[in-house]
Amino acid sequence: MDQTSAADCGILISVKTRYLDKQSDLLTNNHAFSYTINIQNNRSDTVQLLHRHWVITDQNNKIEEVQGKGVVGQQPFIKPGESYQYSSGTLINSRIGDMKGSYTMQAGNGENFEAEIPLFVLATPNMLH
């Protein structure tokens, strides 16, 4: 499933999700998903991704917040007109859930700003038609 957000801050974030059947366990209701994030810098200055903040909600309204430095161990610099892509994953205890969040970015002038990550759905195959 592809989802994209056009942010006012000049950062375009798109998301692709995939259900990981082999890493999921239906008996314990643990469902694994991978997501690939593409961060496009449409600004006129280089930005650096400093921190991430995720809000992960499952079908039972269990909310998990994840915060930390960078993404996948990196705090990448993204030049004007370029993009940065990475993949990660999460585990939820229902067949459907969602994620949203934000990245704290630093502009070329040293000013920090938030780039919103659009809400995207995590769903096992055949859950959404």
Protein backbone atom coordinates (compact mmCIF):
# COMPACT_ATOMS: atom_id res chain seq x y z
CA MET A 1 0.00 0.00 0.00
CA ASP A 2 1.43 3.40 -1.02
CA GLN A 3 0.64 6.60 0.81
CA THR A 4 2.12 10.08 0.42
CA SER A 5 2.02 13.38 2.29
CA ALA A 6 2.89 16.77 0.86
CA ALA A 7 4.19 18.68 3.84
CA ASP A 8 4.12 22.49 4.09
CA CYS A 9 7.75 22.44 5.23
CA GLY A 10 9.08 21.38 1.82
CA ILE A 11 9.60 17.75 2.80
CA LEU A 12 7.57 15.10 0.96
CA ILE A 13 7.23 11.78 2.78
CA SER A 14 5.90 8.66 1.07
CA VAL A 15 5.34 5.26 2.63
CA LYS A 16 5.04 1.72 1.28
CA THR A 17 3.97 -1.08 3.63
CA ARG A 18 4.18 -4.86 3.37
CA TYR A 19 2.80 -7.64 5.55
CA LEU A 20 5.48 -10.12 6.64
CA ASP A 21 3.67 -13.44 6.66
CA LYS A 22 6.67 -15.55 7.69
CA GLN A 23 7.48 -13.32 10.68
CA SER A 24 3.87 -13.16 11.88
CA ASP A 25 2.20 -15.60 14.26
CA LEU A 26 -1.57 -15.95 13.94
CA LEU A 27 -1.82 -18.08 17.11
CA THR A 28 -0.43 -15.27 19.28
CA ASN A 29 -2.01 -12.55 17.11
CA ASN A 30 1.40 -10.99 16.38
CA HIS A 31 1.47 -9.39 12.95
CA ALA A 32 4.73 -8.16 11.44
CA PHE A 33 4.92 -5.37 8.87
CA SER A 34 7.74 -3.70 7.02
CA TYR A 35 7.55 -0.13 5.83
CA THR A 36 9.75 1.76 3.43
CA ILE A 37 9.91 5.51 3.86
CA ASN A 38 11.07 7.91 1.16
CA ILE A 39 11.91 11.45 2.33
CA GLN A 40 12.15 13.94 -0.56
CA ASN A 41 13.73 17.35 0.10
CA ASN A 42 11.90 19.93 -2.03
CA ARG A 43 13.51 22.83 -0.16
CA SER A 44 16.33 25.07 -1.35
CA ASP A 45 18.62 24.05 1.54
CA THR A 46 20.14 20.82 2.83
CA VAL A 47 18.29 19.32 5.81
CA GLN A 48 19.32 16.76 8.41
CA LEU A 49 16.97 14.26 10.03
CA LEU A 50 17.71 14.43 13.77
CA HIS A 51 14.92 12.51 15.57
CA ARG A 52 11.88 10.34 14.89
CA HIS A 53 8.58 10.09 16.76
CA TRP A 54 6.12 7.31 15.91
CA VAL A 55 2.62 6.64 17.21
CA ILE A 56 1.56 3.06 16.46
CA THR A 57 -2.06 2.06 17.13
CA ASP A 58 -3.52 -1.43 16.79
CA GLN A 59 -7.16 -2.45 16.32
CA ASN A 60 -7.55 -2.81 20.11
CA ASN A 61 -6.60 0.87 20.52
CA LYS A 62 -3.29 -0.10 22.12
CA ILE A 63 -0.97 2.83 21.45
CA GLU A 64 2.80 2.54 21.38
CA GLU A 65 5.05 5.57 21.03
CA VAL A 66 8.58 5.24 19.71
CA GLN A 67 11.07 8.10 19.87
CA GLY A 68 14.76 8.27 19.22
CA LYS A 69 17.69 9.72 17.35
CA GLY A 70 17.61 9.44 13.60
CA VAL A 71 16.36 6.43 11.67
CA VAL A 72 17.96 2.98 11.35
CA GLY A 73 21.02 4.27 13.22
CA GLN A 74 21.55 7.26 10.93
CA GLN A 75 20.92 11.01 10.98
CA PRO A 76 21.09 11.59 7.23
CA PHE A 77 21.68 14.87 5.43
CA ILE A 78 19.36 15.32 2.43
CA LYS A 79 20.41 17.83 -0.22
CA PRO A 80 17.91 19.98 -2.15
CA GLY A 81 16.07 17.92 -4.76
CA GLU A 82 17.40 14.64 -3.33
CA SER A 83 15.73 11.95 -1.26
CA TYR A 84 16.62 9.47 1.44
CA GLN A 85 14.98 6.05 1.68
CA TYR A 86 15.06 3.44 4.42
CA SER A 87 13.12 0.39 5.53
CA SER A 88 12.13 -0.71 9.00
CA GLY A 89 9.38 -2.73 10.63
CA THR A 90 6.93 -3.08 13.46
CA LEU A 91 4.84 -5.73 15.19
CA ILE A 92 1.22 -5.19 16.21
CA ASN A 93 -1.26 -7.41 18.06
CA SER A 94 -4.14 -7.14 15.60
CA ARG A 95 -4.81 -7.70 11.91
CA ILE A 96 -5.10 -3.98 11.24
CA GLY A 97 -3.55 -0.87 12.72
CA ASP A 98 -1.93 2.38 11.74
CA MET A 99 1.16 4.50 12.22
CA LYS A 100 1.84 8.22 12.06
CA GLY A 101 4.49 10.49 13.40
CA SER A 102 7.04 13.15 12.65
CA TYR A 103 10.71 13.72 12.01
CA THR A 104 12.58 16.56 13.67
CA MET A 105 14.66 18.05 10.89
CA GLN A 106 17.32 20.73 10.97
CA ALA A 107 17.43 23.28 8.16
CA GLY A 108 20.63 24.65 6.65
CA ASN A 109 20.33 27.77 8.84
CA GLY A 110 20.31 25.64 12.01
CA GLU A 111 16.57 26.01 12.64
CA ASN A 112 14.70 22.85 13.67
CA PHE A 113 11.28 22.01 12.24
CA GLU A 114 8.86 19.06 12.25
CA ALA A 115 8.09 17.09 9.10
CA GLU A 116 4.84 15.22 9.60
CA ILE A 117 4.68 11.55 8.62
CA PRO A 118 1.22 10.86 7.20
CA LEU A 119 -1.05 8.34 8.86
CA PHE A 120 -0.70 5.01 7.08
CA VAL A 121 -2.52 1.74 7.52
CA LEU A 122 -1.00 -1.62 8.47
CA ALA A 123 -3.32 -4.41 7.38
CA THR A 124 -3.01 -8.14 6.83
CA PRO A 125 -3.83 -9.31 3.30
CA ASN A 126 -7.54 -9.18 2.40
CA MET A 127 -8.42 -6.93 5.38
CA LEU A 128 -9.05 -3.89 3.18
CA HIS A 129 -10.94 -4.08 -0.09
